[in-house]
Amino acid sequence: MDLETIQETSMFPVGSENVNYAQYFDGKSYLKMISNEQVVIGNVTFEPGCRNHWHIHHADKGGGQMLLVTAGRGWYQEWCEPVEENAYNKLP
């Protein structure tokens, strides 16, 4: 799915090119902050072939990360475990 199609069909805004976090991605991504209040919500859109680097979101004080995947395909991997395609329902 190309960026134009995403912009036309998504219920969430695509936002601007994600230049502040570009070092953490291979390929181009876009970020639109939806909320900065009690729960920080950002919509991240990936161009085809874009991926983000291995990272972790610590939940020591109620943090962590919640993903709402609205389109496309993805891979999930826990530390020292095999990669699983489209395994979003398995996120701890």
C-alpha atoms as a PDB file:
ATOM      1  CA  MET A   1       0.000   0.000   0.000  1.00  0.00           C
ATOM      2  CA  ASP A   2       1.519   3.354  -0.982  1.00  0.00           C
ATOM      3  CA  LEU A   3       1.466   6.535   1.108  1.00  0.00           C
ATOM      4  CA  GLU A   4      -1.238   8.203  -0.998  1.00  0.00           C
ATOM      5  CA  THR A   5      -3.578   5.243  -0.507  1.00  0.00           C
ATOM      6  CA  ILE A   6      -2.881   5.250   3.226  1.00  0.00           C
ATOM      7  CA  GLN A   7      -3.715   8.970   3.431  1.00  0.00           C
ATOM      8  CA  GLU A   8      -6.976   8.426   1.549  1.00  0.00           C
ATOM      9  CA  THR A   9      -8.170   5.366   3.467  1.00  0.00           C
ATOM     10  CA  SER A  10      -6.844   5.680   7.020  1.00  0.00           C
ATOM     11  CA  MET A  11      -9.012   7.002   9.817  1.00  0.00           C
ATOM     12  CA  PHE A  12      -5.833   8.424  11.393  1.00  0.00           C
ATOM     13  CA  PRO A  13      -3.779  11.328  10.015  1.00  0.00           C
ATOM     14  CA  VAL A  14      -0.407  10.369   8.517  1.00  0.00           C
ATOM     15  CA  GLY A  15       1.499  13.390   9.816  1.00  0.00           C
ATOM     16  CA  SER A  16       4.900  14.705   8.835  1.00  0.00           C
ATOM     17  CA  GLU A  17       8.067  12.860   7.933  1.00  0.00           C
ATOM     18  CA  ASN A  18       9.475  11.435  11.160  1.00  0.00           C
ATOM     19  CA  VAL A  19      12.831  13.263  11.012  1.00  0.00           C
ATOM     20  CA  ASN A  20      13.390  13.415  14.797  1.00  0.00           C
ATOM     21  CA  TYR A  21      13.353   9.622  15.049  1.00  0.00           C
ATOM     22  CA  ALA A  22      14.729   8.783  11.586  1.00  0.00           C
ATOM     23  CA  GLN A  23      17.892   7.300  13.111  1.00  0.00           C
ATOM     24  CA  TYR A  24      15.767   4.481  14.561  1.00  0.00           C
ATOM     25  CA  PHE A  25      14.260   3.432  11.215  1.00  0.00           C
ATOM     26  CA  ASP A  26      15.406   1.920   7.942  1.00  0.00           C
ATOM     27  CA  GLY A  27      13.216   3.650   5.392  1.00  0.00           C
ATOM     28  CA  LYS A  28      10.793   6.522   5.722  1.00  0.00           C
ATOM     29  CA  SER A  29       8.195   6.860   8.474  1.00  0.00           C
ATOM     30  CA  TYR A  30       5.717   9.577   9.395  1.00  0.00           C
ATOM     31  CA  LEU A  31       4.534  10.731  12.829  1.00  0.00           C
ATOM     32  CA  LYS A  32       1.344  12.496  13.873  1.00  0.00           C
ATOM     33  CA  MET A  33       0.906  13.071  17.595  1.00  0.00           C
ATOM     34  CA  ILE A  34      -2.729  12.446  18.527  1.00  0.00           C
ATOM     35  CA  SER A  35      -2.449  13.161  22.270  1.00  0.00           C
ATOM     36  CA  ASN A  36       0.207  14.371  24.702  1.00  0.00           C
ATOM     37  CA  GLU A  37      -2.079  14.324  27.738  1.00  0.00           C
ATOM     38  CA  GLN A  38      -2.489  11.464  30.261  1.00  0.00           C
ATOM     39  CA  VAL A  39      -1.779   8.888  27.582  1.00  0.00           C
ATOM     40  CA  VAL A  40       0.696   9.846  24.879  1.00  0.00           C
ATOM     41  CA  ILE A  41      -0.608   8.634  21.515  1.00  0.00           C
ATOM     42  CA  GLY A  42       1.318   8.906  18.279  1.00  0.00           C
ATOM     43  CA  ASN A  43       0.282   7.553  14.902  1.00  0.00           C
ATOM     44  CA  VAL A  44       3.346   6.185  13.117  1.00  0.00           C
ATOM     45  CA  THR A  45       2.974   5.361   9.426  1.00  0.00           C
ATOM     46  CA  PHE A  46       5.594   3.252   7.649  1.00  0.00           C
ATOM     47  CA  GLU A  47       6.271   3.477   3.928  1.00  0.00           C
ATOM     48  CA  PRO A  48       6.507   0.053   2.255  1.00  0.00           C
ATOM     49  CA  GLY A  49       9.768  -1.625   3.272  1.00  0.00           C
ATOM     50  CA  CYS A  50      10.341   0.657   6.275  1.00  0.00           C
ATOM     51  CA  ARG A  51      11.170  -0.986   9.583  1.00  0.00           C
ATOM     52  CA  ASN A  52      12.239   0.197  12.983  1.00  0.00           C
ATOM     53  CA  HIS A  53      15.342  -1.071  14.749  1.00  0.00           C
ATOM     54  CA  TRP A  54      15.282  -3.581  17.591  1.00  0.00           C
ATOM     55  CA  HIS A  55      14.237  -1.769  20.767  1.00  0.00           C
ATOM     56  CA  ILE A  56      12.361  -2.172  24.031  1.00  0.00           C
ATOM     57  CA  HIS A  57       9.740  -0.116  25.846  1.00  0.00           C
ATOM     58  CA  HIS A  58      10.160  -0.520  29.604  1.00  0.00           C
ATOM     59  CA  ALA A  59       7.015  -0.534  31.728  1.00  0.00           C
ATOM     60  CA  ASP A  60       8.635   0.125  35.120  1.00  0.00           C
ATOM     61  CA  LYS A  61       6.237   2.949  36.028  1.00  0.00           C
ATOM     62  CA  GLY A  62       3.153   2.251  33.941  1.00  0.00           C
ATOM     63  CA  GLY A  63       4.995   2.902  30.686  1.00  0.00           C
ATOM     64  CA  GLY A  64       5.503   0.364  27.972  1.00  0.00           C
ATOM     65  CA  GLN A  65       3.818   0.529  24.618  1.00  0.00           C
ATOM     66  CA  MET A  66       0.441  -0.363  23.189  1.00  0.00           C
ATOM     67  CA  LEU A  67       0.218  -1.003  19.453  1.00  0.00           C
ATOM     68  CA  LEU A  68      -2.912  -0.597  17.363  1.00  0.00           C
ATOM     69  CA  VAL A  69      -1.997  -1.998  13.970  1.00  0.00           C
ATOM     70  CA  THR A  70      -4.439  -0.736  11.345  1.00  0.00           C
ATOM     71  CA  ALA A  71      -2.907  -2.065   8.120  1.00  0.00           C
ATOM     72  CA  GLY A  72       0.030  -3.939   6.685  1.00  0.00           C
ATOM     73  CA  ARG A  73       2.189  -6.762   7.965  1.00  0.00           C
ATOM     74  CA  GLY A  74       4.659  -6.930  10.788  1.00  0.00           C
ATOM     75  CA  TRP A  75       6.981  -9.169  12.745  1.00  0.00           C
ATOM     76  CA  TYR A  76       7.326  -9.575  16.488  1.00  0.00           C
ATOM     77  CA  GLN A  77      10.186 -11.095  18.446  1.00  0.00           C
ATOM     78  CA  GLU A  78      10.792 -11.611  22.128  1.00  0.00           C
ATOM     79  CA  TRP A  79      14.373 -11.657  23.376  1.00  0.00           C
ATOM     80  CA  CYS A  80      16.142 -14.917  22.356  1.00  0.00           C
ATOM     81  CA  GLU A  81      12.982 -16.257  20.679  1.00  0.00           C
ATOM     82  CA  PRO A  82      12.278 -16.823  16.967  1.00  0.00           C
ATOM     83  CA  VAL A  83      10.684 -14.074  14.904  1.00  0.00           C
ATOM     84  CA  GLU A  84       6.936 -14.459  14.373  1.00  0.00           C
ATOM     85  CA  GLU A  85       5.037 -12.837  11.520  1.00  0.00           C
ATOM     86  CA  ASN A  86       1.795 -11.018  12.422  1.00  0.00           C
ATOM     87  CA  ALA A  87       1.965 -12.148  16.080  1.00  0.00           C
ATOM     88  CA  TYR A  88       0.458  -8.989  17.558  1.00  0.00           C
ATOM     89  CA  ASN A  89      -2.001 -10.908  19.703  1.00  0.00           C
ATOM     90  CA  LYS A  90       1.015 -12.341  21.540  1.00  0.00           C
ATOM     91  CA  LEU A  91       2.435  -9.057  22.772  1.00  0.00           C
ATOM     92  CA  PRO A  92       2.944  -9.328  26.540  1.00  0.00           C
END
